[in-house]
Amino acid sequence: MLKKFLISFIVILAFSASVAASAYNPVSVTIISSQSSADSSTISCSNYIDFYGVNDAYSTNDLYCELYNDNWGPDTQYYSTLLSPGTGSMSQGQVSSWHNIFYQRTLDKERDLYVHLDPAGWNSTGCHGAGKLVD
């Protein structure tokens, strides 16, 4: 009897953990000064989303922090904001502050989205930054 109870408990616990993990579905990307763009992986978003961005004070250029729909054809821009240098602080490869929430929305339908970071100007560089999307 105890063995059946333990097995049932473990199955329920595993299911609960998978449901909780799917409710918080983050993806992030960083960019360093020598890169002209950077993309995160794509996540399927079906709920309320938070979109964050940081352009470090050490950057020498403005940074576009954008959300794109991952489509079968050309990807389409869903949201974009321009960040001037100094919107947050970062330490070597690690975002230390996600205090800048630029976009919050309840989605009208399920969307496959990814974060795209792009320094201002054609093929430009000079940004230390990051973007994060949470479903």
N, C-alpha and C. Protein backbone atom coordinates (compact mmCIF):
# COMPACT_ATOMS: atom_id res chain seq x y z
N MET A 1 0.82 -1.20 0.00
CA MET A 1 0.00 0.00 0.00
C MET A 1 0.87 1.27 0.00
N LEU A 2 1.89 1.25 0.85
CA LEU A 2 2.78 2.40 0.91
C LEU A 2 3.52 2.58 -0.42
N LYS A 3 3.90 1.49 -1.05
CA LYS A 3 4.60 1.55 -2.33
C LYS A 3 3.71 2.18 -3.40
N LYS A 4 2.42 1.82 -3.46
CA LYS A 4 1.48 2.41 -4.42
C LYS A 4 1.31 3.90 -4.16
N PHE A 5 1.23 4.25 -2.87
CA PHE A 5 1.09 5.65 -2.50
C PHE A 5 2.31 6.45 -2.96
N LEU A 6 3.51 5.93 -2.71
CA LEU A 6 4.73 6.63 -3.10
C LEU A 6 4.83 6.79 -4.62
N ILE A 7 4.48 5.75 -5.35
CA ILE A 7 4.50 5.83 -6.81
C ILE A 7 3.51 6.87 -7.30
N SER A 8 2.30 6.86 -6.75
CA SER A 8 1.28 7.86 -7.13
C SER A 8 1.76 9.28 -6.80
N PHE A 9 2.37 9.43 -5.63
CA PHE A 9 2.86 10.73 -5.21
C PHE A 9 3.95 11.23 -6.15
N ILE A 10 4.87 10.35 -6.53
CA ILE A 10 5.96 10.73 -7.44
C ILE A 10 5.40 11.12 -8.81
N VAL A 11 4.41 10.38 -9.31
CA VAL A 11 3.80 10.71 -10.60
C VAL A 11 3.12 12.07 -10.54
N ILE A 12 2.38 12.32 -9.48
CA ILE A 12 1.70 13.62 -9.33
C ILE A 12 2.72 14.74 -9.20
N LEU A 13 3.77 14.51 -8.43
CA LEU A 13 4.81 15.52 -8.27
C LEU A 13 5.50 15.83 -9.59
N ALA A 14 5.81 14.81 -10.37
CA ALA A 14 6.45 15.02 -11.68
C ALA A 14 5.54 15.80 -12.61
N PHE A 15 4.25 15.48 -12.62
CA PHE A 15 3.30 16.20 -13.46
C PHE A 15 3.20 17.66 -13.03
N SER A 16 3.13 17.89 -11.72
CA SER A 16 3.04 19.26 -11.20
C SER A 16 4.26 20.08 -11.58
N ALA A 17 5.44 19.46 -11.51
CA ALA A 17 6.67 20.16 -11.88
C ALA A 17 6.67 20.52 -13.35
N SER A 18 6.18 19.64 -14.21
CA SER A 18 6.16 19.94 -15.64
C SER A 18 5.16 21.04 -15.96
N VAL A 19 4.03 21.07 -15.27
CA VAL A 19 3.05 22.15 -15.47
C VAL A 19 3.62 23.47 -14.99
N ALA A 20 4.27 23.47 -13.84
CA ALA A 20 4.87 24.70 -13.31
C ALA A 20 5.97 25.21 -14.23
N ALA A 21 6.76 24.31 -14.77
CA ALA A 21 7.84 24.72 -15.68
C ALA A 21 7.30 25.34 -16.95
N SER A 22 6.18 24.84 -17.45
CA SER A 22 5.64 25.39 -18.69
C SER A 22 4.97 26.75 -18.48
N ALA A 23 4.63 27.08 -17.24
CA ALA A 23 4.00 28.37 -16.95
C ALA A 23 5.02 29.49 -16.94
N TYR A 24 6.27 29.18 -16.75
CA TYR A 24 7.34 30.18 -16.74
C TYR A 24 8.34 29.76 -17.81
N ASN A 25 8.24 30.40 -18.96
CA ASN A 25 9.01 29.96 -20.12
C ASN A 25 9.89 31.11 -20.60
N PRO A 26 11.07 31.30 -19.98
CA PRO A 26 11.91 32.44 -20.37
C PRO A 26 12.92 32.09 -21.47
N VAL A 27 13.32 33.10 -22.22
CA VAL A 27 14.40 32.98 -23.19
C VAL A 27 15.15 34.31 -23.17
N SER A 28 16.48 34.24 -23.29
CA SER A 28 17.25 35.49 -23.27
C SER A 28 18.42 35.40 -24.24
N VAL A 29 18.99 36.56 -24.51
CA VAL A 29 20.13 36.65 -25.43
C VAL A 29 20.99 37.84 -24.98
N THR A 30 22.29 37.72 -25.20
CA THR A 30 23.20 38.83 -24.91
C THR A 30 23.93 39.23 -26.19
N ILE A 31 24.43 40.45 -26.19
CA ILE A 31 25.23 40.94 -27.31
C ILE A 31 26.46 41.63 -26.74
N ILE A 32 27.60 41.46 -27.42
CA ILE A 32 28.83 42.14 -27.00
C ILE A 32 29.25 43.13 -28.08
N SER A 33 30.18 43.98 -27.76
CA SER A 33 30.49 45.14 -28.62
C SER A 33 30.95 44.77 -30.03
N SER A 34 31.47 43.58 -30.25
CA SER A 34 31.94 43.22 -31.59
C SER A 34 30.84 42.61 -32.47
N GLN A 35 29.66 42.37 -31.93
CA GLN A 35 28.58 41.75 -32.70
C GLN A 35 27.67 42.80 -33.33
N SER A 36 27.19 42.51 -34.54
CA SER A 36 26.26 43.43 -35.21
C SER A 36 24.80 43.03 -34.99
N SER A 37 24.55 41.86 -34.43
CA SER A 37 23.19 41.45 -34.04
C SER A 37 23.28 40.15 -33.25
N ALA A 38 22.19 39.82 -32.57
CA ALA A 38 22.11 38.56 -31.82
C ALA A 38 20.65 38.17 -31.67
N ASP A 39 20.38 36.88 -31.76
CA ASP A 39 19.01 36.36 -31.63
C ASP A 39 18.95 35.30 -30.54
N SER A 40 17.83 35.27 -29.84
CA SER A 40 17.58 34.20 -28.87
C SER A 40 16.98 33.01 -29.61
N SER A 41 16.75 31.96 -28.89
CA SER A 41 15.99 30.86 -29.46
C SER A 41 14.51 31.26 -29.46
N THR A 42 13.70 30.53 -30.19
CA THR A 42 12.27 30.81 -30.30
C THR A 42 11.51 30.06 -29.23
N ILE A 43 10.51 30.72 -28.63
CA ILE A 43 9.62 30.04 -27.70
C ILE A 43 8.18 30.26 -28.13
N SER A 44 7.36 29.30 -27.82
CA SER A 44 5.93 29.41 -28.10
C SER A 44 5.27 30.13 -26.94
N CYS A 45 4.68 31.28 -27.22
CA CYS A 45 4.05 32.10 -26.18
C CYS A 45 2.54 32.07 -26.36
N SER A 46 1.83 31.78 -25.28
CA SER A 46 0.38 31.71 -25.37
C SER A 46 -0.31 32.49 -24.27
N ASN A 47 0.45 33.10 -23.39
CA ASN A 47 -0.13 33.78 -22.25
C ASN A 47 0.28 35.24 -22.23
N TYR A 48 0.39 35.74 -21.04
CA TYR A 48 0.85 37.09 -20.78
C TYR A 48 2.37 37.10 -20.90
N ILE A 49 2.93 38.05 -21.64
CA ILE A 49 4.38 38.10 -21.82
C ILE A 49 4.97 39.36 -21.17
N ASP A 50 6.20 39.22 -20.69
CA ASP A 50 7.02 40.33 -20.22
C ASP A 50 8.24 40.37 -21.12
N PHE A 51 8.61 41.56 -21.56
CA PHE A 51 9.78 41.73 -22.44
C PHE A 51 10.71 42.73 -21.79
N TYR A 52 11.95 42.33 -21.55
CA TYR A 52 12.93 43.14 -20.85
C TYR A 52 14.10 43.47 -21.77
N GLY A 53 14.79 44.56 -21.48
CA GLY A 53 15.99 44.89 -22.24
C GLY A 53 16.97 45.71 -21.43
N VAL A 54 18.25 45.54 -21.75
CA VAL A 54 19.32 46.28 -21.08
C VAL A 54 20.34 46.69 -22.13
N ASN A 55 20.79 47.95 -22.08
CA ASN A 55 21.94 48.41 -22.87
C ASN A 55 22.89 49.06 -21.88
N ASP A 56 24.00 48.40 -21.63
CA ASP A 56 24.92 48.80 -20.57
C ASP A 56 25.51 50.19 -20.78
N ALA A 57 25.90 50.82 -19.70
CA ALA A 57 26.50 52.16 -19.75
C ALA A 57 27.81 52.17 -20.54
N TYR A 58 28.49 51.04 -20.66
CA TYR A 58 29.74 50.96 -21.42
C TYR A 58 29.51 50.88 -22.92
N SER A 59 28.27 50.76 -23.35
CA SER A 59 27.97 50.72 -24.79
C SER A 59 28.28 52.07 -25.43
N THR A 60 28.67 52.02 -26.70
CA THR A 60 28.96 53.25 -27.44
C THR A 60 27.89 53.52 -28.50
N ASN A 61 26.80 52.77 -28.46
CA ASN A 61 25.76 52.90 -29.48
C ASN A 61 24.40 52.58 -28.85
N ASP A 62 23.34 53.12 -29.46
CA ASP A 62 21.98 52.74 -29.07
C ASP A 62 21.71 51.31 -29.53
N LEU A 63 20.78 50.63 -28.85
CA LEU A 63 20.48 49.24 -29.14
C LEU A 63 18.98 49.04 -29.35
N TYR A 64 18.62 48.48 -30.51
CA TYR A 64 17.24 48.06 -30.74
C TYR A 64 17.03 46.71 -30.06
N CYS A 65 16.04 46.65 -29.22
CA CYS A 65 15.66 45.41 -28.54
C CYS A 65 14.27 45.06 -29.09
N GLU A 66 14.18 43.96 -29.85
CA GLU A 66 12.98 43.68 -30.64
C GLU A 66 12.46 42.27 -30.41
N LEU A 67 11.16 42.13 -30.60
CA LEU A 67 10.51 40.81 -30.63
C LEU A 67 10.09 40.52 -32.06
N TYR A 68 10.36 39.31 -32.51
CA TYR A 68 9.98 38.89 -33.85
C TYR A 68 9.11 37.64 -33.79
N ASN A 69 8.11 37.59 -34.70
CA ASN A 69 7.33 36.37 -34.93
C ASN A 69 8.17 35.45 -35.80
N ASP A 70 8.34 34.21 -35.36
CA ASP A 70 9.06 33.22 -36.14
C ASP A 70 8.06 32.56 -37.09
N ASN A 71 8.05 32.99 -38.34
CA ASN A 71 7.08 32.54 -39.33
C ASN A 71 7.70 31.53 -40.29
N TRP A 72 6.85 30.89 -41.09
CA TRP A 72 7.33 30.00 -42.14
C TRP A 72 8.04 30.79 -43.23
N GLY A 73 7.55 31.97 -43.52
CA GLY A 73 8.18 32.84 -44.51
C GLY A 73 9.10 33.80 -43.79
N PRO A 74 9.22 35.02 -44.29
CA PRO A 74 10.04 36.02 -43.60
C PRO A 74 9.47 36.31 -42.21
N ASP A 75 10.35 36.41 -41.23
CA ASP A 75 9.90 36.73 -39.87
C ASP A 75 9.40 38.17 -39.83
N THR A 76 8.39 38.43 -38.99
CA THR A 76 7.81 39.76 -38.90
C THR A 76 8.04 40.34 -37.51
N GLN A 77 8.29 41.64 -37.47
CA GLN A 77 8.53 42.31 -36.21
C GLN A 77 7.23 42.44 -35.43
N TYR A 78 7.27 42.08 -34.16
CA TYR A 78 6.10 42.17 -33.29
C TYR A 78 6.17 43.41 -32.40
N TYR A 79 7.37 43.77 -31.94
CA TYR A 79 7.56 44.93 -31.09
C TYR A 79 9.02 45.37 -31.16
N SER A 80 9.27 46.67 -31.01
CA SER A 80 10.63 47.19 -31.04
C SER A 80 10.75 48.40 -30.12
N THR A 81 11.88 48.52 -29.44
CA THR A 81 12.19 49.70 -28.65
C THR A 81 13.67 50.01 -28.78
N LEU A 82 14.01 51.29 -28.75
CA LEU A 82 15.41 51.73 -28.88
C LEU A 82 15.92 52.10 -27.49
N LEU A 83 17.02 51.46 -27.08
CA LEU A 83 17.60 51.68 -25.76
C LEU A 83 18.89 52.48 -25.88
N SER A 84 18.99 53.57 -25.17
CA SER A 84 20.24 54.33 -25.16
C SER A 84 21.20 53.67 -24.16
N PRO A 85 22.49 53.93 -24.28
CA PRO A 85 23.45 53.36 -23.33
C PRO A 85 23.11 53.77 -21.89
N GLY A 86 23.26 52.82 -20.98
CA GLY A 86 23.03 53.12 -19.56
C GLY A 86 21.67 52.73 -19.03
N THR A 87 20.94 51.84 -19.71
CA THR A 87 19.63 51.44 -19.20
C THR A 87 19.69 50.31 -18.18
N GLY A 88 20.87 49.85 -17.85
CA GLY A 88 21.05 48.80 -16.85
C GLY A 88 22.51 48.56 -16.65
N SER A 89 22.85 47.61 -15.79
CA SER A 89 24.26 47.29 -15.60
C SER A 89 24.47 45.80 -15.77
N MET A 90 25.61 45.43 -16.31
CA MET A 90 25.92 44.03 -16.56
C MET A 90 27.33 43.74 -16.08
N SER A 91 27.56 42.50 -15.72
CA SER A 91 28.92 42.05 -15.43
C SER A 91 29.24 40.94 -16.40
N GLN A 92 30.45 40.66 -16.62
CA GLN A 92 30.97 39.75 -17.62
C GLN A 92 30.00 38.63 -18.03
N GLY A 93 29.26 38.86 -19.11
CA GLY A 93 28.37 37.85 -19.67
C GLY A 93 27.12 37.59 -18.87
N GLN A 94 26.87 38.33 -17.83
CA GLN A 94 25.73 38.05 -16.96
C GLN A 94 24.91 39.33 -16.77
N VAL A 95 23.63 39.25 -17.03
CA VAL A 95 22.76 40.40 -16.78
C VAL A 95 22.51 40.50 -15.29
N SER A 96 22.86 41.62 -14.70
CA SER A 96 22.72 41.77 -13.25
C SER A 96 21.44 42.49 -12.86
N SER A 97 20.76 43.09 -13.82
CA SER A 97 19.54 43.82 -13.49
C SER A 97 18.56 43.75 -14.65
N TRP A 98 17.39 43.18 -14.39
CA TRP A 98 16.33 43.14 -15.40
C TRP A 98 15.21 44.09 -14.98
N HIS A 99 15.56 45.27 -14.53
CA HIS A 99 14.56 46.19 -14.01
C HIS A 99 13.80 46.94 -15.10
N ASN A 100 14.23 46.87 -16.33
CA ASN A 100 13.56 47.61 -17.40
C ASN A 100 12.59 46.71 -18.16
N ILE A 101 11.32 46.80 -17.80
CA ILE A 101 10.29 46.06 -18.52
C ILE A 101 9.71 47.01 -19.56
N PHE A 102 9.87 46.65 -20.84
CA PHE A 102 9.43 47.55 -21.90
C PHE A 102 8.09 47.19 -22.49
N TYR A 103 7.68 45.96 -22.30
CA TYR A 103 6.47 45.54 -22.98
C TYR A 103 5.80 44.44 -22.18
N GLN A 104 4.55 44.62 -21.86
CA GLN A 104 3.74 43.60 -21.19
C GLN A 104 2.44 43.50 -21.96
N ARG A 105 2.04 42.26 -22.22
CA ARG A 105 0.83 42.10 -23.01
C ARG A 105 0.26 40.70 -22.85
N THR A 106 -1.06 40.63 -22.89
CA THR A 106 -1.75 39.35 -23.00
C THR A 106 -1.92 39.10 -24.49
N LEU A 107 -1.37 38.01 -24.97
CA LEU A 107 -1.40 37.73 -26.41
C LEU A 107 -2.80 37.37 -26.88
N ASP A 108 -3.14 37.81 -28.09
CA ASP A 108 -4.44 37.52 -28.68
C ASP A 108 -4.51 36.09 -29.22
N LYS A 109 -3.34 35.52 -29.52
CA LYS A 109 -3.25 34.15 -30.00
C LYS A 109 -1.85 33.63 -29.70
N GLU A 110 -1.67 32.33 -29.81
CA GLU A 110 -0.35 31.76 -29.60
C GLU A 110 0.60 32.23 -30.68
N ARG A 111 1.80 32.62 -30.26
CA ARG A 111 2.80 33.12 -31.19
C ARG A 111 4.16 32.48 -30.87
N ASP A 112 4.94 32.21 -31.90
CA ASP A 112 6.32 31.77 -31.73
C ASP A 112 7.19 33.02 -31.84
N LEU A 113 7.79 33.43 -30.72
CA LEU A 113 8.53 34.69 -30.65
C LEU A 113 9.99 34.45 -30.28
N TYR A 114 10.85 35.38 -30.73
CA TYR A 114 12.23 35.40 -30.29
C TYR A 114 12.70 36.83 -30.13
N VAL A 115 13.76 37.01 -29.34
CA VAL A 115 14.34 38.33 -29.09
C VAL A 115 15.46 38.57 -30.10
N HIS A 116 15.46 39.76 -30.70
CA HIS A 116 16.50 40.16 -31.64
C HIS A 116 17.13 41.46 -31.12
N LEU A 117 18.45 41.46 -30.96
CA LEU A 117 19.19 42.65 -30.54
C LEU A 117 19.99 43.18 -31.72
N ASP A 118 19.89 44.49 -31.94
CA ASP A 118 20.49 45.07 -33.14
C ASP A 118 20.99 46.49 -32.82
N PRO A 119 22.30 46.71 -32.78
CA PRO A 119 22.80 48.07 -32.59
C PRO A 119 22.30 49.00 -33.70
N ALA A 120 22.01 50.24 -33.34
CA ALA A 120 21.46 51.21 -34.30
C ALA A 120 22.47 51.48 -35.42
N GLY A 121 21.97 51.54 -36.65
CA GLY A 121 22.81 51.79 -37.82
C GLY A 121 23.11 50.51 -38.57
N TRP A 122 23.26 50.63 -39.88
CA TRP A 122 23.48 49.46 -40.71
C TRP A 122 24.78 48.76 -40.34
N ASN A 123 24.70 47.48 -40.01
CA ASN A 123 25.85 46.63 -39.68
C ASN A 123 26.71 47.22 -38.56
N SER A 124 26.08 47.94 -37.64
CA SER A 124 26.80 48.61 -36.55
C SER A 124 27.09 47.65 -35.40
N THR A 125 28.03 48.06 -34.56
CA THR A 125 28.42 47.30 -33.37
C THR A 125 28.50 48.29 -32.20
N GLY A 126 29.12 47.88 -31.11
CA GLY A 126 29.36 48.81 -30.00
C GLY A 126 28.42 48.69 -28.83
N CYS A 127 27.65 47.62 -28.75
CA CYS A 127 26.69 47.48 -27.65
C CYS A 127 27.00 46.27 -26.78
N HIS A 128 26.92 46.49 -25.49
CA HIS A 128 26.91 45.42 -24.49
C HIS A 128 25.50 45.42 -23.94
N GLY A 129 24.70 44.42 -24.29
CA GLY A 129 23.31 44.44 -23.87
C GLY A 129 22.70 43.06 -23.81
N ALA A 130 21.43 43.05 -23.48
CA ALA A 130 20.71 41.79 -23.37
C ALA A 130 19.22 42.03 -23.50
N GLY A 131 18.52 40.98 -23.87
CA GLY A 131 17.06 41.01 -23.94
C GLY A 131 16.51 39.71 -23.40
N LYS A 132 15.33 39.78 -22.82
CA LYS A 132 14.71 38.59 -22.23
C LYS A 132 13.20 38.63 -22.45
N LEU A 133 12.64 37.50 -22.80
CA LEU A 133 11.21 37.33 -23.02
C LEU A 133 10.72 36.24 -22.08
N VAL A 134 9.64 36.53 -21.36
CA VAL A 134 9.05 35.55 -20.43
C VAL A 134 7.59 35.38 -20.78
N ASP A 135 7.19 34.13 -21.00
CA ASP A 135 5.78 33.79 -21.28
C ASP A 135 5.13 33.41 -19.97
